């Protein structure tokens, strides 16, 4: 979990997300994190640039992925019945939540 906490701190410092949700975590046979997936809701204007920056800072971390939603996109996705965003919200673990 330390890799996930480290990534969450980096994302919080750089992007100040309104929400950061861990929605998938795979472990190896020893129980160590092998890969993980996060959903970040943040006021990001250029998602591609944000992802490039995130992965350039991620050296030494296990493989991970970050889905990025703007707050408006997140609310719109949550309003659609059966959306992936609803599943993330229902089953994920909230790491950061800001009003």
PDB file of N, CA and C in Angstrom:
ATOM      1  N   UNK A   1       0.819  -1.212   0.000  1.00  0.00           N
ATOM      2  CA  UNK A   1       0.000   0.000   0.000  1.00  0.00           C
ATOM      3  C   UNK A   1       0.852   1.261   0.000  1.00  0.00           C
ATOM      4  N   UNK A   2       2.117   1.155   0.373  1.00  0.00           N
ATOM      5  CA  UNK A   2       2.952   2.354   0.414  1.00  0.00           C
ATOM      6  C   UNK A   2       3.073   3.001  -0.967  1.00  0.00           C
ATOM      7  N   UNK A   3       3.155   2.184  -2.019  1.00  0.00           N
ATOM      8  CA  UNK A   3       3.230   2.740  -3.371  1.00  0.00           C
ATOM      9  C   UNK A   3       1.974   3.549  -3.685  1.00  0.00           C
ATOM     10  N   UNK A   4       0.842   3.065  -3.241  1.00  0.00           N
ATOM     11  CA  UNK A   4      -0.417   3.756  -3.498  1.00  0.00           C
ATOM     12  C   UNK A   4      -0.455   5.067  -2.715  1.00  0.00           C
ATOM     13  N   UNK A   5      -0.041   5.040  -1.451  1.00  0.00           N
ATOM     14  CA  UNK A   5      -0.001   6.274  -0.648  1.00  0.00           C
ATOM     15  C   UNK A   5       0.966   7.290  -1.261  1.00  0.00           C
ATOM     16  N   UNK A   6       2.114   6.811  -1.719  1.00  0.00           N
ATOM     17  CA  UNK A   6       3.105   7.692  -2.350  1.00  0.00           C
ATOM     18  C   UNK A   6       2.521   8.350  -3.604  1.00  0.00           C
ATOM     19  N   UNK A   7       1.824   7.568  -4.405  1.00  0.00           N
ATOM     20  CA  UNK A   7       1.206   8.101  -5.618  1.00  0.00           C
ATOM     21  C   UNK A   7       0.104   9.092  -5.263  1.00  0.00           C
ATOM     22  N   UNK A   8      -0.698   8.772  -4.259  1.00  0.00           N
ATOM     23  CA  UNK A   8      -1.773   9.675  -3.825  1.00  0.00           C
ATOM     24  C   UNK A   8      -1.208  11.009  -3.348  1.00  0.00           C
ATOM     25  N   UNK A   9      -0.111  10.970  -2.590  1.00  0.00           N
ATOM     26  CA  UNK A   9       0.517  12.220  -2.133  1.00  0.00           C
ATOM     27  C   UNK A   9       0.991  13.054  -3.319  1.00  0.00           C
ATOM     28  N   UNK A  10       1.638  12.404  -4.280  1.00  0.00           N
ATOM     29  CA  UNK A  10       2.133  13.113  -5.462  1.00  0.00           C
ATOM     30  C   UNK A  10       0.979  13.752  -6.239  1.00  0.00           C
ATOM     31  N   UNK A  11      -0.094  13.008  -6.430  1.00  0.00           N
ATOM     32  CA  UNK A  11      -1.243  13.547  -7.167  1.00  0.00           C
ATOM     33  C   UNK A  11      -1.898  14.694  -6.401  1.00  0.00           C
ATOM     34  N   UNK A  12      -1.996  14.556  -5.090  1.00  0.00           N
ATOM     35  CA  UNK A  12      -2.588  15.610  -4.277  1.00  0.00           C
ATOM     36  C   UNK A  12      -1.753  16.883  -4.336  1.00  0.00           C
ATOM     37  N   UNK A  13      -0.441  16.744  -4.225  1.00  0.00           N
ATOM     38  CA  UNK A  13       0.437  17.921  -4.261  1.00  0.00           C
ATOM     39  C   UNK A  13       0.400  18.617  -5.618  1.00  0.00           C
ATOM     40  N   UNK A  14       0.378  17.854  -6.685  1.00  0.00           N
ATOM     41  CA  UNK A  14       0.460  18.441  -8.019  1.00  0.00           C
ATOM     42  C   UNK A  14      -0.887  18.882  -8.570  1.00  0.00           C
ATOM     43  N   UNK A  15      -1.957  18.103  -8.351  1.00  0.00           N
ATOM     44  CA  UNK A  15      -3.232  18.378  -9.008  1.00  0.00           C
ATOM     45  C   UNK A  15      -4.354  18.767  -8.048  1.00  0.00           C
ATOM     46  N   UNK A  16      -4.152  18.627  -6.754  1.00  0.00           N
ATOM     47  CA  UNK A  16      -5.162  18.930  -5.746  1.00  0.00           C
ATOM     48  C   UNK A  16      -6.547  18.401  -6.157  1.00  0.00           C
ATOM     49  N   UNK A  17      -6.651  17.090  -6.348  1.00  0.00           N
ATOM     50  CA  UNK A  17      -7.919  16.530  -6.829  1.00  0.00           C
ATOM     51  C   UNK A  17      -9.046  16.684  -5.818  1.00  0.00           C
ATOM     52  N   UNK A  18     -10.258  16.809  -6.342  1.00  0.00           N
ATOM     53  CA  UNK A  18     -11.437  16.825  -5.485  1.00  0.00           C
ATOM     54  C   UNK A  18     -11.707  15.430  -4.942  1.00  0.00           C
ATOM     55  N   UNK A  19     -11.393  14.425  -5.749  1.00  0.00           N
ATOM     56  CA  UNK A  19     -11.554  13.035  -5.334  1.00  0.00           C
ATOM     57  C   UNK A  19     -10.432  12.208  -5.924  1.00  0.00           C
ATOM     58  N   UNK A  20      -9.990  11.222  -5.160  1.00  0.00           N
ATOM     59  CA  UNK A  20      -9.037  10.238  -5.646  1.00  0.00           C
ATOM     60  C   UNK A  20      -9.512   8.894  -5.098  1.00  0.00           C
ATOM     61  N   UNK A  21      -9.813   7.981  -6.015  1.00  0.00           N
ATOM     62  CA  UNK A  21     -10.423   6.713  -5.634  1.00  0.00           C
ATOM     63  C   UNK A  21      -9.569   5.558  -6.159  1.00  0.00           C
ATOM     64  N   UNK A  22      -9.206   4.665  -5.275  1.00  0.00           N
ATOM     65  CA  UNK A  22      -8.534   3.428  -5.650  1.00  0.00           C
ATOM     66  C   UNK A  22      -9.629   2.440  -6.037  1.00  0.00           C
ATOM     67  N   UNK A  23      -9.623   1.977  -7.298  1.00  0.00           N
ATOM     68  CA  UNK A  23     -10.693   1.067  -7.696  1.00  0.00           C
ATOM     69  C   UNK A  23     -10.193  -0.302  -8.150  1.00  0.00           C
ATOM     70  N   UNK A  24      -8.900  -0.503  -8.151  1.00  0.00           N
ATOM     71  CA  UNK A  24      -8.366  -1.834  -8.456  1.00  0.00           C
ATOM     72  C   UNK A  24      -6.965  -1.935  -7.873  1.00  0.00           C
ATOM     73  N   UNK A  25      -6.703  -3.083  -7.261  1.00  0.00           N
ATOM     74  CA  UNK A  25      -5.362  -3.335  -6.721  1.00  0.00           C
ATOM     75  C   UNK A  25      -5.093  -4.821  -6.841  1.00  0.00           C
ATOM     76  N   UNK A  26      -3.993  -5.139  -7.496  1.00  0.00           N
ATOM     77  CA  UNK A  26      -3.583  -6.531  -7.622  1.00  0.00           C
ATOM     78  C   UNK A  26      -2.314  -6.724  -6.809  1.00  0.00           C
ATOM     79  N   UNK A  27      -2.218  -7.875  -6.172  1.00  0.00           N
ATOM     80  CA  UNK A  27      -1.043  -8.174  -5.355  1.00  0.00           C
ATOM     81  C   UNK A  27      -0.332  -9.407  -5.904  1.00  0.00           C
ATOM     82  N   UNK A  28       0.950  -9.500  -5.581  1.00  0.00           N
ATOM     83  CA  UNK A  28       1.710 -10.695  -5.953  1.00  0.00           C
ATOM     84  C   UNK A  28       1.522 -11.744  -4.853  1.00  0.00           C
ATOM     85  N   UNK A  29       2.188 -12.861  -4.988  1.00  0.00           N
ATOM     86  CA  UNK A  29       2.017 -13.963  -4.027  1.00  0.00           C
ATOM     87  C   UNK A  29       2.452 -13.604  -2.615  1.00  0.00           C
ATOM     88  N   UNK A  30       3.339 -12.630  -2.485  1.00  0.00           N
ATOM     89  CA  UNK A  30       3.776 -12.221  -1.143  1.00  0.00           C
ATOM     90  C   UNK A  30       2.879 -11.143  -0.542  1.00  0.00           C
ATOM     91  N   UNK A  31       1.862 -10.715  -1.293  1.00  0.00           N
ATOM     92  CA  UNK A  31       0.935  -9.705  -0.790  1.00  0.00           C
ATOM     93  C   UNK A  31       1.328  -8.272  -1.122  1.00  0.00           C
ATOM     94  N   UNK A  32       2.439  -8.109  -1.816  1.00  0.00           N
ATOM     95  CA  UNK A  32       2.880  -6.766  -2.219  1.00  0.00           C
ATOM     96  C   UNK A  32       2.059  -6.279  -3.410  1.00  0.00           C
ATOM     97  N   UNK A  33       1.870  -4.981  -3.506  1.00  0.00           N
ATOM     98  CA  UNK A  33       1.129  -4.406  -4.620  1.00  0.00           C
ATOM     99  C   UNK A  33       1.879  -4.659  -5.923  1.00  0.00           C
ATOM    100  N   UNK A  34       1.200  -5.285  -6.879  1.00  0.00           N
ATOM    101  CA  UNK A  34       1.787  -5.563  -8.188  1.00  0.00           C
ATOM    102  C   UNK A  34       1.331  -4.532  -9.215  1.00  0.00           C
ATOM    103  N   UNK A  35       0.090  -4.052  -9.071  1.00  0.00           N
ATOM    104  CA  UNK A  35      -0.435  -2.998  -9.948  1.00  0.00           C
ATOM    105  C   UNK A  35      -1.686  -2.417  -9.286  1.00  0.00           C
ATOM    106  N   UNK A  36      -2.057  -1.203  -9.720  1.00  0.00           N
ATOM    107  CA  UNK A  36      -3.250  -0.582  -9.167  1.00  0.00           C
ATOM    108  C   UNK A  36      -3.831   0.428 -10.155  1.00  0.00           C
ATOM    109  N   UNK A  37      -5.102   0.783  -9.920  1.00  0.00           N
ATOM    110  CA  UNK A  37      -5.797   1.751 -10.767  1.00  0.00           C
ATOM    111  C   UNK A  37      -6.471   2.782  -9.877  1.00  0.00           C
ATOM    112  N   UNK A  38      -6.308   4.036 -10.282  1.00  0.00           N
ATOM    113  CA  UNK A  38      -6.891   5.159  -9.557  1.00  0.00           C
ATOM    114  C   UNK A  38      -7.816   5.942 -10.465  1.00  0.00           C
ATOM    115  N   UNK A  39      -8.798   6.573  -9.868  1.00  0.00           N
ATOM    116  CA  UNK A  39      -9.667   7.520 -10.561  1.00  0.00           C
ATOM    117  C   UNK A  39      -9.458   8.871  -9.880  1.00  0.00           C
ATOM    118  N   UNK A  40      -9.087   9.879 -10.661  1.00  0.00           N
ATOM    119  CA  UNK A  40      -8.836  11.212 -10.128  1.00  0.00           C
ATOM    120  C   UNK A  40      -9.848  12.187 -10.718  1.00  0.00           C
ATOM    121  N   UNK A  41     -10.526  12.925  -9.854  1.00  0.00           N
ATOM    122  CA  UNK A  41     -11.444  13.977 -10.279  1.00  0.00           C
ATOM    123  C   UNK A  41     -10.762  15.301  -9.938  1.00  0.00           C
ATOM    124  N   UNK A  42     -10.378  16.033 -10.976  1.00  0.00           N
ATOM    125  CA  UNK A  42      -9.609  17.261 -10.760  1.00  0.00           C
ATOM    126  C   UNK A  42      -9.868  18.238 -11.892  1.00  0.00           C
ATOM    127  N   UNK A  43      -9.673  19.493 -11.606  1.00  0.00           N
ATOM    128  CA  UNK A  43      -9.833  20.551 -12.603  1.00  0.00           C
ATOM    129  C   UNK A  43      -8.641  20.601 -13.549  1.00  0.00           C
ATOM    130  N   UNK A  44      -8.490  19.579 -14.347  1.00  0.00           N
ATOM    131  CA  UNK A  44      -7.368  19.461 -15.281  1.00  0.00           C
ATOM    132  C   UNK A  44      -7.851  19.893 -16.662  1.00  0.00           C
ATOM    133  N   UNK A  45      -7.116  20.808 -17.292  1.00  0.00           N
ATOM    134  CA  UNK A  45      -7.534  21.273 -18.623  1.00  0.00           C
ATOM    135  C   UNK A  45      -6.979  20.407 -19.746  1.00  0.00           C
ATOM    136  N   UNK A  46      -5.815  19.819 -19.549  1.00  0.00           N
ATOM    137  CA  UNK A  46      -5.202  18.968 -20.573  1.00  0.00           C
ATOM    138  C   UNK A  46      -4.884  17.613 -19.947  1.00  0.00           C
ATOM    139  N   UNK A  47      -5.786  16.659 -20.141  1.00  0.00           N
ATOM    140  CA  UNK A  47      -5.632  15.346 -19.510  1.00  0.00           C
ATOM    141  C   UNK A  47      -4.409  14.597 -20.024  1.00  0.00           C
ATOM    142  N   UNK A  48      -4.134  14.706 -21.303  1.00  0.00           N
ATOM    143  CA  UNK A  48      -2.967  14.000 -21.859  1.00  0.00           C
ATOM    144  C   UNK A  48      -1.673  14.516 -21.221  1.00  0.00           C
ATOM    145  N   UNK A  49      -1.563  15.821 -21.106  1.00  0.00           N
ATOM    146  CA  UNK A  49      -0.368  16.404 -20.474  1.00  0.00           C
ATOM    147  C   UNK A  49      -0.278  15.975 -19.017  1.00  0.00           C
ATOM    148  N   UNK A  50      -1.415  15.936 -18.326  1.00  0.00           N
ATOM    149  CA  UNK A  50      -1.428  15.501 -16.924  1.00  0.00           C
ATOM    150  C   UNK A  50      -0.971  14.058 -16.810  1.00  0.00           C
ATOM    151  N   UNK A  51      -1.456  13.191 -17.683  1.00  0.00           N
ATOM    152  CA  UNK A  51      -1.038  11.790 -17.628  1.00  0.00           C
ATOM    153  C   UNK A  51       0.448  11.638 -17.933  1.00  0.00           C
ATOM    154  N   UNK A  52       0.945  12.379 -18.906  1.00  0.00           N
ATOM    155  CA  UNK A  52       2.384  12.327 -19.193  1.00  0.00           C
ATOM    156  C   UNK A  52       3.193  12.733 -17.959  1.00  0.00           C
ATOM    157  N   UNK A  53       2.747  13.791 -17.303  1.00  0.00           N
ATOM    158  CA  UNK A  53       3.455  14.257 -16.105  1.00  0.00           C
ATOM    159  C   UNK A  53       3.386  13.219 -14.987  1.00  0.00           C
ATOM    160  N   UNK A  54       2.220  12.641 -14.791  1.00  0.00           N
ATOM    161  CA  UNK A  54       2.051  11.634 -13.737  1.00  0.00           C
ATOM    162  C   UNK A  54       3.002  10.464 -13.968  1.00  0.00           C
ATOM    163  N   UNK A  55       3.022   9.953 -15.173  1.00  0.00           N
ATOM    164  CA  UNK A  55       3.841   8.768 -15.432  1.00  0.00           C
ATOM    165  C   UNK A  55       5.325   9.094 -15.486  1.00  0.00           C
ATOM    166  N   UNK A  56       5.674  10.341 -15.804  1.00  0.00           N
ATOM    167  CA  UNK A  56       7.097  10.704 -15.779  1.00  0.00           C
ATOM    168  C   UNK A  56       7.613  10.792 -14.345  1.00  0.00           C
ATOM    169  N   UNK A  57       6.727  11.047 -13.389  1.00  0.00           N
ATOM    170  CA  UNK A  57       7.106  11.118 -11.969  1.00  0.00           C
ATOM    171  C   UNK A  57       7.017   9.768 -11.275  1.00  0.00           C
ATOM    172  N   UNK A  58       6.580   8.745 -11.991  1.00  0.00           N
ATOM    173  CA  UNK A  58       6.253   7.464 -11.370  1.00  0.00           C
ATOM    174  C   UNK A  58       7.366   6.428 -11.439  1.00  0.00           C
ATOM    175  N   UNK A  59       8.558   6.846 -11.711  1.00  0.00           N
ATOM    176  CA  UNK A  59       9.660   5.894 -11.811  1.00  0.00           C
ATOM    177  C   UNK A  59       9.822   5.118 -10.502  1.00  0.00           C
ATOM    178  N   UNK A  60       9.955   3.817 -10.625  1.00  0.00           N
ATOM    179  CA  UNK A  60      10.149   2.974  -9.457  1.00  0.00           C
ATOM    180  C   UNK A  60       8.867   2.454  -8.842  1.00  0.00           C
ATOM    181  N   UNK A  61       7.726   2.876  -9.347  1.00  0.00           N
ATOM    182  CA  UNK A  61       6.452   2.393  -8.825  1.00  0.00           C
ATOM    183  C   UNK A  61       5.998   1.179  -9.620  1.00  0.00           C
ATOM    184  N   UNK A  62       5.157   0.339  -9.022  1.00  0.00           N
ATOM    185  CA  UNK A  62       4.581  -0.767  -9.795  1.00  0.00           C
ATOM    186  C   UNK A  62       3.697  -0.184 -10.903  1.00  0.00           C
ATOM    187  N   UNK A  63       3.350  -0.987 -11.887  1.00  0.00           N
ATOM    188  CA  UNK A  63       2.465  -0.489 -12.945  1.00  0.00           C
ATOM    189  C   UNK A  63       1.153   0.032 -12.356  1.00  0.00           C
ATOM    190  N   UNK A  64       0.701   1.169 -12.867  1.00  0.00           N
ATOM    191  CA  UNK A  64      -0.581   1.704 -12.428  1.00  0.00           C
ATOM    192  C   UNK A  64      -1.206   2.521 -13.549  1.00  0.00           C
ATOM    193  N   UNK A  65      -2.475   2.800 -13.377  1.00  0.00           N
ATOM    194  CA  UNK A  65      -3.203   3.603 -14.339  1.00  0.00           C
ATOM    195  C   UNK A  65      -4.015   4.632 -13.574  1.00  0.00           C
ATOM    196  N   UNK A  66      -4.245   5.784 -14.200  1.00  0.00           N
ATOM    197  CA  UNK A  66      -5.048   6.844 -13.593  1.00  0.00           C
ATOM    198  C   UNK A  66      -6.086   7.296 -14.616  1.00  0.00           C
ATOM    199  N   UNK A  67      -7.356   7.149 -14.260  1.00  0.00           N
ATOM    200  CA  UNK A  67      -8.435   7.713 -15.066  1.00  0.00           C
ATOM    201  C   UNK A  67      -8.667   9.122 -14.553  1.00  0.00           C
ATOM    202  N   UNK A  68      -8.745  10.073 -15.460  1.00  0.00           N
ATOM    203  CA  UNK A  68      -8.931  11.465 -15.052  1.00  0.00           C
ATOM    204  C   UNK A  68     -10.279  11.965 -15.557  1.00  0.00           C
ATOM    205  N   UNK A  69     -11.050  12.508 -14.640  1.00  0.00           N
ATOM    206  CA  UNK A  69     -12.322  13.163 -14.949  1.00  0.00           C
ATOM    207  C   UNK A  69     -12.239  14.601 -14.448  1.00  0.00           C
ATOM    208  N   UNK A  70     -12.820  15.530 -15.189  1.00  0.00           N
ATOM    209  CA  UNK A  70     -13.042  16.858 -14.637  1.00  0.00           C
ATOM    210  C   UNK A  70     -14.249  16.732 -13.698  1.00  0.00           C
ATOM    211  N   UNK A  71     -14.447  17.680 -12.787  1.00  0.00           N
ATOM    212  CA  UNK A  71     -15.625  17.587 -11.917  1.00  0.00           C
ATOM    213  C   UNK A  71     -16.944  17.497 -12.698  1.00  0.00           C
ATOM    214  N   UNK A  72     -17.064  18.248 -13.767  1.00  0.00           N
ATOM    215  CA  UNK A  72     -18.277  18.197 -14.579  1.00  0.00           C
ATOM    216  C   UNK A  72     -18.476  16.848 -15.248  1.00  0.00           C
ATOM    217  N   UNK A  73     -17.402  16.289 -15.777  1.00  0.00           N
ATOM    218  CA  UNK A  73     -17.478  14.966 -16.405  1.00  0.00           C
ATOM    219  C   UNK A  73     -17.855  13.899 -15.387  1.00  0.00           C
ATOM    220  N   UNK A  74     -17.298  14.007 -14.194  1.00  0.00           N
ATOM    221  CA  UNK A  74     -17.588  13.045 -13.143  1.00  0.00           C
ATOM    222  C   UNK A  74     -19.069  13.078 -12.763  1.00  0.00           C
ATOM    223  N   UNK A  75     -19.584  14.280 -12.538  1.00  0.00           N
ATOM    224  CA  UNK A  75     -21.004  14.404 -12.173  1.00  0.00           C
ATOM    225  C   UNK A  75     -21.907  13.890 -13.284  1.00  0.00           C
ATOM    226  N   UNK A  76     -21.558  14.190 -14.525  1.00  0.00           N
ATOM    227  CA  UNK A  76     -22.355  13.718 -15.667  1.00  0.00           C
ATOM    228  C   UNK A  76     -22.296  12.194 -15.743  1.00  0.00           C
ATOM    229  N   UNK A  77     -21.111  11.616 -15.558  1.00  0.00           N
ATOM    230  CA  UNK A  77     -20.968  10.160 -15.610  1.00  0.00           C
ATOM    231  C   UNK A  77     -21.732   9.491 -14.466  1.00  0.00           C
ATOM    232  N   UNK A  78     -21.702  10.099 -13.280  1.00  0.00           N
ATOM    233  CA  UNK A  78     -22.440   9.533 -12.147  1.00  0.00           C
ATOM    234  C   UNK A  78     -23.946   9.551 -12.380  1.00  0.00           C
ATOM    235  N   UNK A  79     -24.419  10.487 -13.171  1.00  0.00           N
ATOM    236  CA  UNK A  79     -25.860  10.596 -13.419  1.00  0.00           C
ATOM    237  C   UNK A  79     -26.377   9.525 -14.377  1.00  0.00           C
ATOM    238  N   UNK A  80     -25.462   8.842 -15.081  1.00  0.00           N
ATOM    239  CA  UNK A  80     -25.875   7.794 -16.026  1.00  0.00           C
ATOM    240  C   UNK A  80     -25.962   6.452 -15.297  1.00  0.00           C
ATOM    241  N   UNK A  81     -27.132   5.879 -15.318  1.00  0.00           N
ATOM    242  CA  UNK A  81     -27.361   4.594 -14.651  1.00  0.00           C
ATOM    243  C   UNK A  81     -26.440   3.520 -15.225  1.00  0.00           C
ATOM    244  N   UNK A  82     -25.748   2.812 -14.337  1.00  0.00           N
ATOM    245  CA  UNK A  82     -24.886   1.714 -14.745  1.00  0.00           C
ATOM    246  C   UNK A  82     -23.542   2.134 -15.314  1.00  0.00           C
ATOM    247  N   UNK A  83     -23.171   3.395 -15.140  1.00  0.00           N
ATOM    248  CA  UNK A  83     -21.902   3.884 -15.697  1.00  0.00           C
ATOM    249  C   UNK A  83     -20.708   3.324 -14.917  1.00  0.00           C
ATOM    250  N   UNK A  84     -19.551   3.366 -15.570  1.00  0.00           N
ATOM    251  CA  UNK A  84     -18.313   2.934 -14.924  1.00  0.00           C
ATOM    252  C   UNK A  84     -18.036   3.818 -13.713  1.00  0.00           C
ATOM    253  N   UNK A  85     -18.334   5.094 -13.805  1.00  0.00           N
ATOM    254  CA  UNK A  85     -18.132   6.014 -12.676  1.00  0.00           C
ATOM    255  C   UNK A  85     -18.965   5.579 -11.470  1.00  0.00           C
ATOM    256  N   UNK A  86     -20.196   5.155 -11.709  1.00  0.00           N
ATOM    257  CA  UNK A  86     -21.018   4.663 -10.596  1.00  0.00           C
ATOM    258  C   UNK A  86     -20.402   3.432  -9.956  1.00  0.00           C
ATOM    259  N   UNK A  87     -19.855   2.546 -10.784  1.00  0.00           N
ATOM    260  CA  UNK A  87     -19.217   1.344 -10.244  1.00  0.00           C
ATOM    261  C   UNK A  87     -17.978   1.710  -9.428  1.00  0.00           C
ATOM    262  N   UNK A  88     -17.172   2.656  -9.943  1.00  0.00           N
ATOM    263  CA  UNK A  88     -15.983   3.104  -9.210  1.00  0.00           C
ATOM    264  C   UNK A  88     -16.396   3.682  -7.857  1.00  0.00           C
ATOM    265  N   UNK A  89     -17.412   4.515  -7.861  1.00  0.00           N
ATOM    266  CA  UNK A  89     -17.859   5.146  -6.611  1.00  0.00           C
ATOM    267  C   UNK A  89     -18.395   4.107  -5.628  1.00  0.00           C
ATOM    268  N   UNK A  90     -19.104   3.123  -6.144  1.00  0.00           N
ATOM    269  CA  UNK A  90     -19.731   2.113  -5.288  1.00  0.00           C
ATOM    270  C   UNK A  90     -18.704   1.131  -4.704  1.00  0.00           C
ATOM    271  N   UNK A  91     -17.702   0.744  -5.494  1.00  0.00           N
ATOM    272  CA  UNK A  91     -16.797  -0.328  -5.063  1.00  0.00           C
ATOM    273  C   UNK A  91     -15.397   0.152  -4.681  1.00  0.00           C
ATOM    274  N   UNK A  92     -15.045   1.386  -5.057  1.00  0.00           N
ATOM    275  CA  UNK A  92     -13.700   1.866  -4.818  1.00  0.00           C
ATOM    276  C   UNK A  92     -13.469   2.338  -3.386  1.00  0.00           C
ATOM    277  N   UNK A  93     -12.216   2.601  -3.112  1.00  0.00           N
ATOM    278  CA  UNK A  93     -11.792   3.083  -1.789  1.00  0.00           C
ATOM    279  C   UNK A  93     -11.349   4.549  -1.945  1.00  0.00           C
ATOM    280  N   UNK A  94     -12.072   5.448  -1.312  1.00  0.00           N
ATOM    281  CA  UNK A  94     -11.788   6.890  -1.406  1.00  0.00           C
ATOM    282  C   UNK A  94     -10.492   7.201  -0.660  1.00  0.00           C
ATOM    283  N   UNK A  95      -9.517   7.732  -1.379  1.00  0.00           N
ATOM    284  CA  UNK A  95      -8.245   8.123  -0.776  1.00  0.00           C
ATOM    285  C   UNK A  95      -8.221   9.608  -0.441  1.00  0.00           C
ATOM    286  N   UNK A  96      -8.866  10.413  -1.288  1.00  0.00           N
ATOM    287  CA  UNK A  96      -8.966  11.858  -1.093  1.00  0.00           C
ATOM    288  C   UNK A  96     -10.383  12.274  -1.451  1.00  0.00           C
ATOM    289  N   UNK A  97     -10.991  13.072  -0.597  1.00  0.00           N
ATOM    290  CA  UNK A  97     -12.325  13.627  -0.867  1.00  0.00           C
ATOM    291  C   UNK A  97     -12.358  15.047  -0.313  1.00  0.00           C
ATOM    292  N   UNK A  98     -12.562  16.015  -1.197  1.00  0.00           N
ATOM    293  CA  UNK A  98     -12.639  17.411  -0.796  1.00  0.00           C
ATOM    294  C   UNK A  98     -13.963  17.991  -1.252  1.00  0.00           C
ATOM    295  N   UNK A  99     -14.490  18.881  -0.458  1.00  0.00           N
ATOM    296  CA  UNK A  99     -15.774  19.524  -0.798  1.00  0.00           C
ATOM    297  C   UNK A  99     -15.596  20.512  -1.920  1.00  0.00           C
TER     298      UNK A  99
END
